[in-house]
Amino acid sequence: GALRGRASVHLVDKEFFLVTRIVDLLLAEPSYAAGTRLTRDHRPAALA
């Protein structure tokens, strides 16, 4: 409660991260933006 509005937590599920990497690296051009909101158009394929 003391940190509300003053902090954030970004969660990464490791297995889902691997799946996004399969899509980002092997179906698209690898980039340092991969795995972030900047490549959200790849997320539906990884989720499926």
ModelCIF file with pLDDT and N, C-alpha, C, O atoms, coordinates in Angstrom:
data_MODEL
#
_entry.id   MODEL 
#
_entity.id                         1 
_entity.type                       polymer 
_entity.pdbx_number_of_molecules   1 
#
_entity_poly.entity_id                      1 
_entity_poly.type                           'polypeptide(L)' 
_entity_poly.nstd_linkage                   no 
_entity_poly.nstd_monomer                   no 
_entity_poly.pdbx_seq_one_letter_code       GALRGRASVHLVDKEFFLVTRIVDLLLAEPSYAAGTRLTRDHRPAALA 
_entity_poly.pdbx_seq_one_letter_code_can   GALRGRASVHLVDKEFFLVTRIVDLLLAEPSYAAGTRLTRDHRPAALA 
_entity_poly.pdbx_strand_id                 A 
#
loop_
_entity_poly_seq.entity_id 
_entity_poly_seq.num 
_entity_poly_seq.mon_id 
_entity_poly_seq.hetero 
1 1  GLY n 
1 2  ALA n 
1 3  LEU n 
1 4  ARG n 
1 5  GLY n 
1 6  ARG n 
1 7  ALA n 
1 8  SER n 
1 9  VAL n 
1 10 HIS n 
1 11 LEU n 
1 12 VAL n 
1 13 ASP n 
1 14 LYS n 
1 15 GLU n 
1 16 PHE n 
1 17 PHE n 
1 18 LEU n 
1 19 VAL n 
1 20 THR n 
1 21 ARG n 
1 22 ILE n 
1 23 VAL n 
1 24 ASP n 
1 25 LEU n 
1 26 LEU n 
1 27 LEU n 
1 28 ALA n 
1 29 GLU n 
1 30 PRO n 
1 31 SER n 
1 32 TYR n 
1 33 ALA n 
1 34 ALA n 
1 35 GLY n 
1 36 THR n 
1 37 ARG n 
1 38 LEU n 
1 39 THR n 
1 40 ARG n 
1 41 ASP n 
1 42 HIS n 
1 43 ARG n 
1 44 PRO n 
1 45 ALA n 
1 46 ALA n 
1 47 LEU n 
1 48 ALA n 
#
_struct_asym.id          A 
_struct_asym.entity_id   1 
#
loop_
_ma_qa_metric.id 
_ma_qa_metric.mode 
_ma_qa_metric.name 
_ma_qa_metric.software_group_id 
_ma_qa_metric.type 
1 global pLDDT . pLDDT 
2 local  pLDDT . pLDDT 
#
_ma_qa_metric_global.metric_id      1 
_ma_qa_metric_global.metric_value   93.00 
_ma_qa_metric_global.model_id       1 
_ma_qa_metric_global.ordinal_id     1 
#
loop_
_ma_qa_metric_local.label_asym_id 
_ma_qa_metric_local.label_comp_id 
_ma_qa_metric_local.label_seq_id 
_ma_qa_metric_local.metric_id 
_ma_qa_metric_local.metric_value 
_ma_qa_metric_local.model_id 
_ma_qa_metric_local.ordinal_id 
A GLY 1  2 94.00 1 1  
A ALA 2  2 94.00 1 2  
A LEU 3  2 96.00 1 3  
A ARG 4  2 96.00 1 4  
A GLY 5  2 95.00 1 5  
A ARG 6  2 97.00 1 6  
A ALA 7  2 98.00 1 7  
A SER 8  2 97.00 1 8  
A VAL 9  2 97.00 1 9  
A HIS 10 2 96.00 1 10 
A LEU 11 2 95.00 1 11 
A VAL 12 2 94.00 1 12 
A ASP 13 2 93.00 1 13 
A LYS 14 2 94.00 1 14 
A GLU 15 2 94.00 1 15 
A PHE 16 2 95.00 1 16 
A PHE 17 2 95.00 1 17 
A LEU 18 2 95.00 1 18 
A VAL 19 2 96.00 1 19 
A THR 20 2 95.00 1 20 
A ARG 21 2 94.00 1 21 
A ILE 22 2 96.00 1 22 
A VAL 23 2 95.00 1 23 
A ASP 24 2 93.00 1 24 
A LEU 25 2 93.00 1 25 
A LEU 26 2 95.00 1 26 
A LEU 27 2 93.00 1 27 
A ALA 28 2 90.00 1 28 
A GLU 29 2 89.00 1 29 
A PRO 30 2 90.00 1 30 
A SER 31 2 91.00 1 31 
A TYR 32 2 92.00 1 32 
A ALA 33 2 90.00 1 33 
A ALA 34 2 88.00 1 34 
A GLY 35 2 86.00 1 35 
A THR 36 2 89.00 1 36 
A ARG 37 2 90.00 1 37 
A LEU 38 2 89.00 1 38 
A THR 39 2 88.00 1 39 
A ARG 40 2 88.00 1 40 
A ASP 41 2 90.00 1 41 
A HIS 42 2 90.00 1 42 
A ARG 43 2 91.00 1 43 
A PRO 44 2 92.00 1 44 
A ALA 45 2 94.00 1 45 
A ALA 46 2 94.00 1 46 
A LEU 47 2 94.00 1 47 
A ALA 48 2 94.00 1 48 
#
loop_
_atom_site.group_PDB 
_atom_site.id 
_atom_site.type_symbol 
_atom_site.label_atom_id 
_atom_site.label_alt_id 
_atom_site.label_comp_id 
_atom_site.label_asym_id 
_atom_site.label_entity_id 
_atom_site.label_seq_id 
_atom_site.pdbx_PDB_ins_code 
_atom_site.Cartn_x 
_atom_site.Cartn_y 
_atom_site.Cartn_z 
_atom_site.occupancy 
_atom_site.B_iso_or_equiv 
_atom_site.pdbx_formal_charge 
_atom_site.auth_seq_id 
_atom_site.auth_comp_id 
_atom_site.auth_asym_id 
_atom_site.auth_atom_id 
_atom_site.pdbx_PDB_model_num 
ATOM 1   N N  . GLY A 1 1  ? 0.815  -1.212  0.000   1.00 94.00 ? 1  GLY A N  1 
ATOM 2   C CA . GLY A 1 1  ? 0.000  0.000   0.000   1.00 94.00 ? 1  GLY A CA 1 
ATOM 3   C C  . GLY A 1 1  ? 0.848  1.261   0.000   1.00 94.00 ? 1  GLY A C  1 
ATOM 4   O O  . GLY A 1 1  ? 0.503  2.250   -0.647  1.00 94.00 ? 1  GLY A O  1 
ATOM 5   N N  . ALA A 1 2  ? 1.963  1.224   0.731   1.00 94.00 ? 2  ALA A N  1 
ATOM 6   C CA . ALA A 1 2  ? 2.843  2.393   0.793   1.00 94.00 ? 2  ALA A CA 1 
ATOM 7   C C  . ALA A 1 2  ? 3.488  2.696   -0.547  1.00 94.00 ? 2  ALA A C  1 
ATOM 8   O O  . ALA A 1 2  ? 3.868  3.837   -0.810  1.00 94.00 ? 2  ALA A O  1 
ATOM 9   N N  . LEU A 1 3  ? 3.617  1.672   -1.405  1.00 96.00 ? 3  LEU A N  1 
ATOM 10  C CA . LEU A 1 3  ? 4.274  1.850   -2.699  1.00 96.00 ? 3  LEU A CA 1 
ATOM 11  C C  . LEU A 1 3  ? 3.296  2.140   -3.833  1.00 96.00 ? 3  LEU A C  1 
ATOM 12  O O  . LEU A 1 3  ? 3.715  2.372   -4.967  1.00 96.00 ? 3  LEU A O  1 
ATOM 13  N N  . ARG A 1 4  ? 2.025  2.129   -3.543  1.00 96.00 ? 4  ARG A N  1 
ATOM 14  C CA . ARG A 1 4  ? 1.045  2.357   -4.606  1.00 96.00 ? 4  ARG A CA 1 
ATOM 15  C C  . ARG A 1 4  ? 1.274  3.734   -5.247  1.00 96.00 ? 4  ARG A C  1 
ATOM 16  O O  . ARG A 1 4  ? 1.348  4.753   -4.560  1.00 96.00 ? 4  ARG A O  1 
ATOM 17  N N  . GLY A 1 5  ? 1.383  3.733   -6.559  1.00 95.00 ? 5  GLY A N  1 
ATOM 18  C CA . GLY A 1 5  ? 1.657  4.965   -7.290  1.00 95.00 ? 5  GLY A CA 1 
ATOM 19  C C  . GLY A 1 5  ? 3.123  5.334   -7.347  1.00 95.00 ? 5  GLY A C  1 
ATOM 20  O O  . GLY A 1 5  ? 3.503  6.267   -8.054  1.00 95.00 ? 5  GLY A O  1 
ATOM 21  N N  . ARG A 1 6  ? 3.959  4.604   -6.603  1.00 97.00 ? 6  ARG A N  1 
ATOM 22  C CA . ARG A 1 6  ? 5.399  4.911   -6.575  1.00 97.00 ? 6  ARG A CA 1 
ATOM 23  C C  . ARG A 1 6  ? 6.240  3.727   -7.030  1.00 97.00 ? 6  ARG A C  1 
ATOM 24  O O  . ARG A 1 6  ? 7.467  3.773   -6.939  1.00 97.00 ? 6  ARG A O  1 
ATOM 25  N N  . ALA A 1 7  ? 5.611  2.682   -7.512  1.00 98.00 ? 7  ALA A N  1 
ATOM 26  C CA . ALA A 1 7  ? 6.354  1.484   -7.883  1.00 98.00 ? 7  ALA A CA 1 
ATOM 27  C C  . ALA A 1 7  ? 5.595  0.702   -8.942  1.00 98.00 ? 7  ALA A C  1 
ATOM 28  O O  . ALA A 1 7  ? 4.391  0.879   -9.124  1.00 98.00 ? 7  ALA A O  1 
ATOM 29  N N  . SER A 1 8  ? 6.319  -0.165  -9.636  1.00 97.00 ? 8  SER A N  1 
ATOM 30  C CA . SER A 1 8  ? 5.708  -1.060  -10.621 1.00 97.00 ? 8  SER A CA 1 
ATOM 31  C C  . SER A 1 8  ? 6.445  -2.382  -10.614 1.00 97.00 ? 8  SER A C  1 
ATOM 32  O O  . SER A 1 8  ? 7.622  -2.450  -10.260 1.00 97.00 ? 8  SER A O  1 
ATOM 33  N N  . VAL A 1 9  ? 5.736  -3.444  -11.013 1.00 97.00 ? 9  VAL A N  1 
ATOM 34  C CA . VAL A 1 9  ? 6.334  -4.775  -11.116 1.00 97.00 ? 9  VAL A CA 1 
ATOM 35  C C  . VAL A 1 9  ? 6.002  -5.335  -12.493 1.00 97.00 ? 9  VAL A C  1 
ATOM 36  O O  . VAL A 1 9  ? 4.835  -5.425  -12.876 1.00 97.00 ? 9  VAL A O  1 
ATOM 37  N N  . HIS A 1 10 ? 7.036  -5.708  -13.225 1.00 96.00 ? 10 HIS A N  1 
ATOM 38  C CA . HIS A 1 10 ? 6.844  -6.353  -14.523 1.00 96.00 ? 10 HIS A CA 1 
ATOM 39  C C  . HIS A 1 10 ? 7.074  -7.839  -14.329 1.00 96.00 ? 10 HIS A C  1 
ATOM 40  O O  . HIS A 1 10 ? 8.131  -8.256  -13.855 1.00 96.00 ? 10 HIS A O  1 
ATOM 41  N N  . LEU A 1 11 ? 6.085  -8.636  -14.697 1.00 95.00 ? 11 LEU A N  1 
ATOM 42  C CA . LEU A 1 11 ? 6.114  -10.087 -14.522 1.00 95.00 ? 11 LEU A CA 1 
ATOM 43  C C  . LEU A 1 11 ? 6.429  -10.771 -15.853 1.00 95.00 ? 11 LEU A C  1 
ATOM 44  O O  . LEU A 1 11 ? 5.861  -10.417 -16.886 1.00 95.00 ? 11 LEU A O  1 
ATOM 45  N N  . VAL A 1 12 ? 7.327  -11.745 -15.825 1.00 94.00 ? 12 VAL A N  1 
ATOM 46  C CA . VAL A 1 12 ? 7.649  -12.534 -17.013 1.00 94.00 ? 12 VAL A CA 1 
ATOM 47  C C  . VAL A 1 12 ? 7.479  -14.010 -16.676 1.00 94.00 ? 12 VAL A C  1 
ATOM 48  O O  . VAL A 1 12 ? 8.191  -14.544 -15.826 1.00 94.00 ? 12 VAL A O  1 
ATOM 49  N N  . ASP A 1 13 ? 6.533  -14.667 -17.347 1.00 93.00 ? 13 ASP A N  1 
ATOM 50  C CA . ASP A 1 13 ? 6.397  -16.111 -17.261 1.00 93.00 ? 13 ASP A CA 1 
ATOM 51  C C  . ASP A 1 13 ? 7.470  -16.725 -18.177 1.00 93.00 ? 13 ASP A C  1 
ATOM 52  O O  . ASP A 1 13 ? 7.476  -16.479 -19.383 1.00 93.00 ? 13 ASP A O  1 
ATOM 53  N N  . LYS A 1 14 ? 8.360  -17.512 -17.602 1.00 94.00 ? 14 LYS A N  1 
ATOM 54  C CA . LYS A 1 14 ? 9.522  -17.972 -18.360 1.00 94.00 ? 14 LYS A CA 1 
ATOM 55  C C  . LYS A 1 14 ? 9.147  -18.862 -19.541 1.00 94.00 ? 14 LYS A C  1 
ATOM 56  O O  . LYS A 1 14 ? 9.759  -18.768 -20.605 1.00 94.00 ? 14 LYS A O  1 
ATOM 57  N N  . GLU A 1 15 ? 8.155  -19.717 -19.366 1.00 94.00 ? 15 GLU A N  1 
ATOM 58  C CA . GLU A 1 15 ? 7.761  -20.597 -20.472 1.00 94.00 ? 15 GLU A CA 1 
ATOM 59  C C  . GLU A 1 15 ? 7.112  -19.782 -21.589 1.00 94.00 ? 15 GLU A C  1 
ATOM 60  O O  . GLU A 1 15 ? 7.390  -20.013 -22.766 1.00 94.00 ? 15 GLU A O  1 
ATOM 61  N N  . PHE A 1 16 ? 6.254  -18.835 -21.229 1.00 95.00 ? 16 PHE A N  1 
ATOM 62  C CA . PHE A 1 16 ? 5.640  -18.004 -22.261 1.00 95.00 ? 16 PHE A CA 1 
ATOM 63  C C  . PHE A 1 16 ? 6.688  -17.139 -22.945 1.00 95.00 ? 16 PHE A C  1 
ATOM 64  O O  . PHE A 1 16 ? 6.597  -16.879 -24.145 1.00 95.00 ? 16 PHE A O  1 
ATOM 65  N N  . PHE A 1 17 ? 7.685  -16.693 -22.183 1.00 95.00 ? 17 PHE A N  1 
ATOM 66  C CA . PHE A 1 17 ? 8.785  -15.936 -22.775 1.00 95.00 ? 17 PHE A CA 1 
ATOM 67  C C  . PHE A 1 17 ? 9.467  -16.750 -23.872 1.00 95.00 ? 17 PHE A C  1 
ATOM 68  O O  . PHE A 1 17 ? 9.780  -16.218 -24.937 1.00 95.00 ? 17 PHE A O  1 
ATOM 69  N N  . LEU A 1 18 ? 9.697  -18.044 -23.614 1.00 95.00 ? 18 LEU A N  1 
ATOM 70  C CA . LEU A 1 18 ? 10.324 -18.890 -24.634 1.00 95.00 ? 18 LEU A CA 1 
ATOM 71  C C  . LEU A 1 18 ? 9.479  -18.947 -25.902 1.00 95.00 ? 18 LEU A C  1 
ATOM 72  O O  . LEU A 1 18 ? 10.008 -18.930 -27.014 1.00 95.00 ? 18 LEU A O  1 
ATOM 73  N N  . VAL A 1 19 ? 8.160  -19.014 -25.725 1.00 96.00 ? 19 VAL A N  1 
ATOM 74  C CA . VAL A 1 19 ? 7.287  -19.089 -26.899 1.00 96.00 ? 19 VAL A CA 1 
ATOM 75  C C  . VAL A 1 19 ? 7.340  -17.778 -27.683 1.00 96.00 ? 19 VAL A C  1 
ATOM 76  O O  . VAL A 1 19 ? 7.354  -17.796 -28.914 1.00 96.00 ? 19 VAL A O  1 
ATOM 77  N N  . THR A 1 20 ? 7.369  -16.651 -26.990 1.00 95.00 ? 20 THR A N  1 
ATOM 78  C CA . THR A 1 20 ? 7.495  -15.379 -27.704 1.00 95.00 ? 20 THR A CA 1 
ATOM 79  C C  . THR A 1 20 ? 8.826  -15.305 -28.437 1.00 95.00 ? 20 THR A C  1 
ATOM 80  O O  . THR A 1 20 ? 8.918  -14.708 -29.509 1.00 95.00 ? 20 THR A O  1 
ATOM 81  N N  . ARG A 1 21 ? 9.860  -15.914 -27.855 1.00 94.00 ? 21 ARG A N  1 
ATOM 82  C CA . ARG A 1 21 ? 11.158 -15.919 -28.524 1.00 94.00 ? 21 ARG A CA 1 
ATOM 83  C C  . ARG A 1 21 ? 11.124 -16.755 -29.805 1.00 94.00 ? 21 ARG A C  1 
ATOM 84  O O  . ARG A 1 21 ? 11.760 -16.392 -30.794 1.00 94.00 ? 21 ARG A O  1 
ATOM 85  N N  . ILE A 1 22 ? 10.395 -17.859 -29.795 1.00 96.00 ? 22 ILE A N  1 
ATOM 86  C CA . ILE A 1 22 ? 10.261 -18.668 -31.006 1.00 96.00 ? 22 ILE A CA 1 
ATOM 87  C C  . ILE A 1 22 ? 9.658  -17.825 -32.122 1.00 96.00 ? 22 ILE A C  1 
ATOM 88  O O  . ILE A 1 22 ? 10.118 -17.868 -33.263 1.00 96.00 ? 22 ILE A O  1 
ATOM 89  N N  . VAL A 1 23 ? 8.629  -17.062 -31.785 1.00 95.00 ? 23 VAL A N  1 
ATOM 90  C CA . VAL A 1 23 ? 7.959  -16.217 -32.779 1.00 95.00 ? 23 VAL A CA 1 
ATOM 91  C C  . VAL A 1 23 ? 8.846  -15.044 -33.173 1.00 95.00 ? 23 VAL A C  1 
ATOM 92  O O  . VAL A 1 23 ? 9.008  -14.762 -34.360 1.00 95.00 ? 23 VAL A O  1 
ATOM 93  N N  . ASP A 1 24 ? 9.421  -14.358 -32.186 1.00 93.00 ? 24 ASP A N  1 
ATOM 94  C CA . ASP A 1 24 ? 10.195 -13.143 -32.462 1.00 93.00 ? 24 ASP A CA 1 
ATOM 95  C C  . ASP A 1 24 ? 11.483 -13.434 -33.235 1.00 93.00 ? 24 ASP A C  1 
ATOM 96  O O  . ASP A 1 24 ? 11.887 -12.651 -34.095 1.00 93.00 ? 24 ASP A O  1 
ATOM 97  N N  . LEU A 1 25 ? 12.125 -14.562 -32.925 1.00 93.00 ? 25 LEU A N  1 
ATOM 98  C CA . LEU A 1 25 ? 13.407 -14.867 -33.546 1.00 93.00 ? 25 LEU A CA 1 
ATOM 99  C C  . LEU A 1 25 ? 13.276 -15.647 -34.849 1.00 93.00 ? 25 LEU A C  1 
ATOM 100 O O  . LEU A 1 25 ? 14.019 -15.405 -35.801 1.00 93.00 ? 25 LEU A O  1 
ATOM 101 N N  . LEU A 1 26 ? 12.333 -16.578 -34.888 1.00 95.00 ? 26 LEU A N  1 
ATOM 102 C CA . LEU A 1 26 ? 12.293 -17.526 -35.995 1.00 95.00 ? 26 LEU A CA 1 
ATOM 103 C C  . LEU A 1 26 ? 11.192 -17.258 -37.015 1.00 95.00 ? 26 LEU A C  1 
ATOM 104 O O  . LEU A 1 26 ? 11.210 -17.833 -38.103 1.00 95.00 ? 26 LEU A O  1 
ATOM 105 N N  . LEU A 1 27 ? 10.236 -16.397 -36.683 1.00 93.00 ? 27 LEU A N  1 
ATOM 106 C CA . LEU A 1 27 ? 9.197  -16.027 -37.647 1.00 93.00 ? 27 LEU A CA 1 
ATOM 107 C C  . LEU A 1 27 ? 9.285  -14.558 -38.050 1.00 93.00 ? 27 LEU A C  1 
ATOM 108 O O  . LEU A 1 27 ? 8.639  -14.136 -39.009 1.00 93.00 ? 27 LEU A O  1 
ATOM 109 N N  . ALA A 1 28 ? 10.067 -13.794 -37.334 1.00 90.00 ? 28 ALA A N  1 
ATOM 110 C CA . ALA A 1 28 ? 10.217 -12.366 -37.632 1.00 90.00 ? 28 ALA A CA 1 
ATOM 111 C C  . ALA A 1 28 ? 11.709 -12.037 -37.621 1.00 90.00 ? 28 ALA A C  1 
ATOM 112 O O  . ALA A 1 28 ? 12.542 -12.897 -37.333 1.00 90.00 ? 28 ALA A O  1 
ATOM 113 N N  . GLU A 1 29 ? 12.027 -10.814 -37.930 1.00 89.00 ? 29 GLU A N  1 
ATOM 114 C CA . GLU A 1 29 ? 13.419 -10.390 -37.887 1.00 89.00 ? 29 GLU A CA 1 
ATOM 115 C C  . GLU A 1 29 ? 13.805 -10.122 -36.434 1.00 89.00 ? 29 GLU A C  1 
ATOM 116 O O  . GLU A 1 29 ? 13.169 -9.299  -35.777 1.00 89.00 ? 29 GLU A O  1 
ATOM 117 N N  . PRO A 1 30 ? 14.839 -10.801 -35.916 1.00 90.00 ? 30 PRO A N  1 
ATOM 118 C CA . PRO A 1 30 ? 15.235 -10.603 -34.519 1.00 90.00 ? 30 PRO A CA 1 
ATOM 119 C C  . PRO A 1 30 ? 15.564 -9.141  -34.232 1.00 90.00 ? 30 PRO A C  1 
ATOM 120 O O  . PRO A 1 30 ? 16.182 -8.463  -35.054 1.00 90.00 ? 30 PRO A O  1 
ATOM 121 N N  . SER A 1 31 ? 15.151 -8.663  -33.069 1.00 91.00 ? 31 SER A N  1 
ATOM 122 C CA . SER A 1 31 ? 15.405 -7.270  -32.710 1.00 91.00 ? 31 SER A CA 1 
ATOM 123 C C  . SER A 1 31 ? 15.420 -7.106  -31.205 1.00 91.00 ? 31 SER A C  1 
ATOM 124 O O  . SER A 1 31 ? 14.912 -7.949  -30.465 1.00 91.00 ? 31 SER A O  1 
ATOM 125 N N  . TYR A 1 32 ? 16.010 -6.009  -30.765 1.00 92.00 ? 32 TYR A N  1 
ATOM 126 C CA . TYR A 1 32 ? 16.048 -5.709  -29.339 1.00 92.00 ? 32 TYR A CA 1 
ATOM 127 C C  . TYR A 1 32 ? 14.712 -5.196  -28.826 1.00 92.00 ? 32 TYR A C  1 
ATOM 128 O O  . TYR A 1 32 ? 14.522 -5.074  -27.616 1.00 92.00 ? 32 TYR A O  1 
ATOM 129 N N  . ALA A 1 33 ? 13.792 -4.897  -29.718 1.00 90.00 ? 33 ALA A N  1 
ATOM 130 C CA . ALA A 1 33 ? 12.444 -4.521  -29.295 1.00 90.00 ? 33 ALA A CA 1 
ATOM 131 C C  . ALA A 1 33 ? 11.579 -5.747  -29.030 1.00 90.00 ? 33 ALA A C  1 
ATOM 132 O O  . ALA A 1 33 ? 10.489 -5.626  -28.470 1.00 90.00 ? 33 ALA A O  1 
ATOM 133 N N  . ALA A 1 34 ? 12.058 -6.934  -29.431 1.00 88.00 ? 34 ALA A N  1 
ATOM 134 C CA . ALA A 1 34 ? 11.272 -8.157  -29.313 1.00 88.00 ? 34 ALA A CA 1 
ATOM 135 C C  . ALA A 1 34 ? 10.902 -8.435  -27.856 1.00 88.00 ? 34 ALA A C  1 
ATOM 136 O O  . ALA A 1 34 ? 11.675 -8.164  -26.937 1.00 88.00 ? 34 ALA A O  1 
ATOM 137 N N  . GLY A 1 35 ? 9.710  -8.977  -27.674 1.00 86.00 ? 35 GLY A N  1 
ATOM 138 C CA . GLY A 1 35 ? 9.262  -9.339  -26.336 1.00 86.00 ? 35 GLY A CA 1 
ATOM 139 C C  . GLY A 1 35 ? 8.686  -8.200  -25.535 1.00 86.00 ? 35 GLY A C  1 
ATOM 140 O O  . GLY A 1 35 ? 8.379  -8.366  -24.355 1.00 86.00 ? 35 GLY A O  1 
ATOM 141 N N  . THR A 1 36 ? 8.531  -7.036  -26.157 1.00 89.00 ? 36 THR A N  1 
ATOM 142 C CA . THR A 1 36 ? 7.971  -5.874  -25.465 1.00 89.00 ? 36 THR A CA 1 
ATOM 143 C C  . THR A 1 36 ? 6.693  -5.432  -26.174 1.00 89.00 ? 36 THR A C  1 
ATOM 144 O O  . THR A 1 36 ? 6.283  -6.017  -27.176 1.00 89.00 ? 36 THR A O  1 
ATOM 145 N N  . ARG A 1 37 ? 6.073  -4.379  -25.626 1.00 90.00 ? 37 ARG A N  1 
ATOM 146 C CA . ARG A 1 37 ? 4.858  -3.835  -26.236 1.00 90.00 ? 37 ARG A CA 1 
ATOM 147 C C  . ARG A 1 37 ? 5.115  -3.322  -27.653 1.00 90.00 ? 37 ARG A C  1 
ATOM 148 O O  . ARG A 1 37 ? 4.176  -3.147  -28.430 1.00 90.00 ? 37 ARG A O  1 
ATOM 149 N N  . LEU A 1 38 ? 6.373  -3.084  -27.988 1.00 89.00 ? 38 LEU A N  1 
ATOM 150 C CA . LEU A 1 38 ? 6.709  -2.571  -29.314 1.00 89.00 ? 38 LEU A CA 1 
ATOM 151 C C  . LEU A 1 38 ? 6.540  -3.630  -30.392 1.00 89.00 ? 38 LEU A C  1 
ATOM 152 O O  . LEU A 1 38 ? 6.516  -3.306  -31.579 1.00 89.00 ? 38 LEU A O  1 
ATOM 153 N N  . THR A 1 39 ? 6.424  -4.899  -29.990 1.00 88.00 ? 39 THR A N  1 
ATOM 154 C CA . THR A 1 39 ? 6.190  -5.978  -30.960 1.00 88.00 ? 39 THR A CA 1 
ATOM 155 C C  . THR A 1 39 ? 4.908  -6.726  -30.608 1.00 88.00 ? 39 THR A C  1 
ATOM 156 O O  . THR A 1 39 ? 4.821  -7.943  -30.770 1.00 88.00 ? 39 THR A O  1 
ATOM 157 N N  . ARG A 1 40 ? 3.927  -5.991  -30.131 1.00 88.00 ? 40 ARG A N  1 
ATOM 158 C CA . ARG A 1 40 ? 2.691  -6.643  -29.683 1.00 88.00 ? 40 ARG A CA 1 
ATOM 159 C C  . ARG A 1 40 ? 1.929  -7.319  -30.821 1.00 88.00 ? 40 ARG A C  1 
ATOM 160 O O  . ARG A 1 40 ? 1.075  -8.170  -30.570 1.00 88.00 ? 40 ARG A O  1 
ATOM 161 N N  . ASP A 1 41 ? 2.230  -6.950  -32.072 1.00 90.00 ? 41 ASP A N  1 
ATOM 162 C CA . ASP A 1 41 ? 1.545  -7.595  -33.191 1.00 90.00 ? 41 ASP A CA 1 
ATOM 163 C C  . ASP A 1 41 ? 1.948  -9.061  -33.328 1.00 90.00 ? 41 ASP A C  1 
ATOM 164 O O  . ASP A 1 41 ? 1.258  -9.824  -34.005 1.00 90.00 ? 41 ASP A O  1 
ATOM 165 N N  . HIS A 1 42 ? 3.052  -9.472  -32.699 1.00 90.00 ? 42 HIS A N  1 
ATOM 166 C CA . HIS A 1 42 ? 3.469  -10.868 -32.715 1.00 90.00 ? 42 HIS A CA 1 
ATOM 167 C C  . HIS A 1 42 ? 2.836  -11.671 -31.580 1.00 90.00 ? 42 HIS A C  1 
ATOM 168 O O  . HIS A 1 42 ? 2.884  -12.901 -31.589 1.00 90.00 ? 42 HIS A O  1 
ATOM 169 N N  . ARG A 1 43 ? 2.250  -10.989 -30.615 1.00 91.00 ? 43 ARG A N  1 
ATOM 170 C CA . ARG A 1 43 ? 1.766  -11.662 -29.413 1.00 91.00 ? 43 ARG A CA 1 
ATOM 171 C C  . ARG A 1 43 ? 0.625  -12.651 -29.676 1.00 91.00 ? 43 ARG A C  1 
ATOM 172 O O  . ARG A 1 43 ? 0.607  -13.709 -29.048 1.00 91.00 ? 43 ARG A O  1 
ATOM 173 N N  . PRO A 1 44 ? -0.338 -12.360 -30.582 1.00 92.00 ? 44 PRO A N  1 
ATOM 174 C CA . PRO A 1 44 ? -1.409 -13.342 -30.808 1.00 92.00 ? 44 PRO A CA 1 
ATOM 175 C C  . PRO A 1 44 ? -0.892 -14.698 -31.280 1.00 92.00 ? 44 PRO A C  1 
ATOM 176 O O  . PRO A 1 44 ? -1.411 -15.733 -30.863 1.00 92.00 ? 44 PRO A O  1 
ATOM 177 N N  . ALA A 1 45 ? 0.119  -14.705 -32.141 1.00 94.00 ? 45 ALA A N  1 
ATOM 178 C CA . ALA A 1 45 ? 0.672  -15.978 -32.623 1.00 94.00 ? 45 ALA A CA 1 
ATOM 179 C C  . ALA A 1 45 ? 1.320  -16.743 -31.476 1.00 94.00 ? 45 ALA A C  1 
ATOM 180 O O  . ALA A 1 45 ? 1.142  -17.955 -31.351 1.00 94.00 ? 45 ALA A O  1 
ATOM 181 N N  . ALA A 1 46 ? 2.074  -16.030 -30.636 1.00 94.00 ? 46 ALA A N  1 
ATOM 182 C CA . ALA A 1 46 ? 2.722  -16.688 -29.498 1.00 94.00 ? 46 ALA A CA 1 
ATOM 183 C C  . ALA A 1 46 ? 1.695  -17.219 -28.517 1.00 94.00 ? 46 ALA A C  1 
ATOM 184 O O  . ALA A 1 46 ? 1.862  -18.310 -27.972 1.00 94.00 ? 46 ALA A O  1 
ATOM 185 N N  . LEU A 1 47 ? 0.646  -16.467 -28.292 1.00 94.00 ? 47 LEU A N  1 
ATOM 186 C CA . LEU A 1 47 ? -0.391 -16.885 -27.347 1.00 94.00 ? 47 LEU A CA 1 
ATOM 187 C C  . LEU A 1 47 ? -1.126 -18.126 -27.853 1.00 94.00 ? 47 LEU A C  1 
ATOM 188 O O  . LEU A 1 47 ? -1.418 -19.035 -27.077 1.00 94.00 ? 47 LEU A O  1 
ATOM 189 N N  . ALA A 1 48 ? -1.423 -18.164 -29.148 1.00 94.00 ? 48 ALA A N  1 
ATOM 190 C CA . ALA A 1 48 ? -2.111 -19.321 -29.719 1.00 94.00 ? 48 ALA A CA 1 
ATOM 191 C C  . ALA A 1 48 ? -1.254 -20.579 -29.588 1.00 94.00 ? 48 ALA A C  1 
ATOM 192 O O  . ALA A 1 48 ? -1.670 -21.656 -30.015 1.00 94.00 ? 48 ALA A O  1 
#
